[in-house]
Every structure is written in structure tokens, then in C-alpha cells.
């Protein structure tokens, strides 16, 4: 699943620089996560970095976008320009 930022966001700016895929940006009122770019840090880190640094725990799984770890890894490979493993 991709992550979303809830309206509990306090715009503290700590999540945006932590995202290795540049999926987080300032929205009109709160920060937003581009689901097409979010891999939950799969391929980069063991845990989602934005979730780790968020002081108000407002970054949660998006229930509307169900993705397995394998799909997130495939997205990571595609975004990073790496070929998918054969076999």
C-alpha cells in the first residue's frame, strides 16, 4: 500500500527530505504523498522513513491502494531505473 498523510499533519517539514523517492510534497494545507512514487521505502530502507520521523503519527497506509511488498519492490526498481530480476 502507498502511504497517505492525514489532516493531523502539522506541516513540520521533517518528512519531505526523508523520502528517497521524492514522493512527499507540500500540498495546499498539509503535506501529500504521491502514490505513484511511494514505495514505503522498499528497496531503500527496512521501514518507511517518513513514518519514523513524523512527530504526530499522521502518516498511515492508504486503504484505497493495496500493494504487496513485491509490487512495491517492482515500483522501486522501475523508479530507480533498475532492471527487474529474471527468473
Protein backbone atom coordinates (compact mmCIF):
# COMPACT_ATOMS: atom_id res chain seq x y z
CA UNK A 1 0.00 0.00 0.00
CA UNK A 2 1.10 3.53 -0.55
CA UNK A 3 1.09 5.87 2.42
CA UNK A 4 -1.07 8.93 2.98
CA UNK A 5 -0.76 11.89 5.31
CA UNK A 6 -3.85 12.62 7.38
CA UNK A 7 -5.20 16.03 8.28
CA UNK A 8 -3.45 15.73 11.64
CA UNK A 9 -0.29 16.89 9.80
CA UNK A 10 1.28 19.94 11.47
CA UNK A 11 3.46 20.88 8.47
CA UNK A 12 6.65 20.41 10.44
CA UNK A 13 8.66 19.70 7.27
CA UNK A 14 10.55 16.67 8.62
CA UNK A 15 9.05 14.02 6.34
CA UNK A 16 9.74 15.57 2.93
CA UNK A 17 13.55 15.38 2.97
CA UNK A 18 13.46 11.81 4.34
CA UNK A 19 11.65 10.38 1.29
CA UNK A 20 14.15 8.67 -1.02
CA UNK A 21 11.65 8.76 -3.92
CA UNK A 22 10.66 12.44 -3.60
CA UNK A 23 7.06 11.29 -3.17
CA UNK A 24 6.26 13.86 -0.46
CA UNK A 25 5.50 17.48 -1.25
CA UNK A 26 3.70 20.43 0.28
CA UNK A 27 0.02 20.42 -0.56
CA UNK A 28 -2.39 23.31 -0.20
CA UNK A 29 -2.92 22.73 3.52
CA UNK A 30 -0.79 19.72 4.51
CA UNK A 31 1.94 17.60 3.03
CA UNK A 32 0.84 14.99 0.49
CA UNK A 33 2.29 11.73 -0.80
CA UNK A 34 2.25 10.84 -4.50
CA UNK A 35 1.13 7.20 -4.51
CA UNK A 36 2.82 6.64 -7.88
CA UNK A 37 6.18 7.43 -6.25
CA UNK A 38 5.66 5.93 -2.79
CA UNK A 39 7.30 2.55 -2.23
CA UNK A 40 7.07 2.72 1.59
CA UNK A 41 10.90 2.88 1.33
CA UNK A 42 11.03 -0.69 -0.01
CA UNK A 43 14.36 -1.00 -1.78
CA UNK A 44 15.87 1.79 0.28
CA UNK A 45 15.18 1.10 3.97
CA UNK A 46 13.64 -1.53 6.22
CA UNK A 47 10.96 0.88 7.47
CA UNK A 48 9.22 3.91 6.00
CA UNK A 49 11.40 6.87 6.87
CA UNK A 50 8.59 9.43 6.88
CA UNK A 51 6.67 7.35 9.41
CA UNK A 52 9.79 7.08 11.57
CA UNK A 53 10.35 10.85 11.77
CA UNK A 54 6.73 12.06 11.96
CA UNK A 55 6.17 13.60 15.41
CA UNK A 56 2.37 13.30 15.28
CA UNK A 57 1.95 9.86 13.67
CA UNK A 58 -0.17 11.21 10.83
CA UNK A 59 1.30 9.02 8.07
CA UNK A 60 -0.70 5.85 7.59
CA UNK A 61 -1.36 3.17 4.97
CA UNK A 62 -3.72 4.25 2.22
CA UNK A 63 -6.57 1.71 2.29
CA UNK A 64 -7.53 2.60 -1.30
CA UNK A 65 -4.20 1.45 -2.76
CA UNK A 66 -3.36 -2.15 -1.93
CA UNK A 67 0.19 -3.13 -2.92
CA UNK A 68 2.25 -6.10 -1.80
CA UNK A 69 5.91 -5.79 -0.80
CA UNK A 70 6.74 -7.43 -4.14
CA UNK A 71 4.74 -4.79 -6.05
CA UNK A 72 6.40 -2.03 -4.03
CA UNK A 73 9.81 -3.51 -4.87
CA UNK A 74 8.91 -3.65 -8.57
CA UNK A 75 7.87 0.02 -8.35
CA UNK A 76 11.19 0.81 -6.66
CA UNK A 77 13.09 -0.92 -9.48
CA UNK A 78 11.10 0.97 -12.10
CA UNK A 79 11.57 4.34 -10.39
CA UNK A 80 15.29 3.77 -9.90
CA UNK A 81 15.79 2.58 -13.50
CA UNK A 82 16.99 -0.84 -12.44
CA UNK A 83 16.05 -3.94 -14.42
CA UNK A 84 13.67 -6.41 -12.83
CA UNK A 85 15.36 -9.66 -11.75
CA UNK A 86 14.99 -12.51 -14.22
CA UNK A 87 13.58 -15.83 -13.22
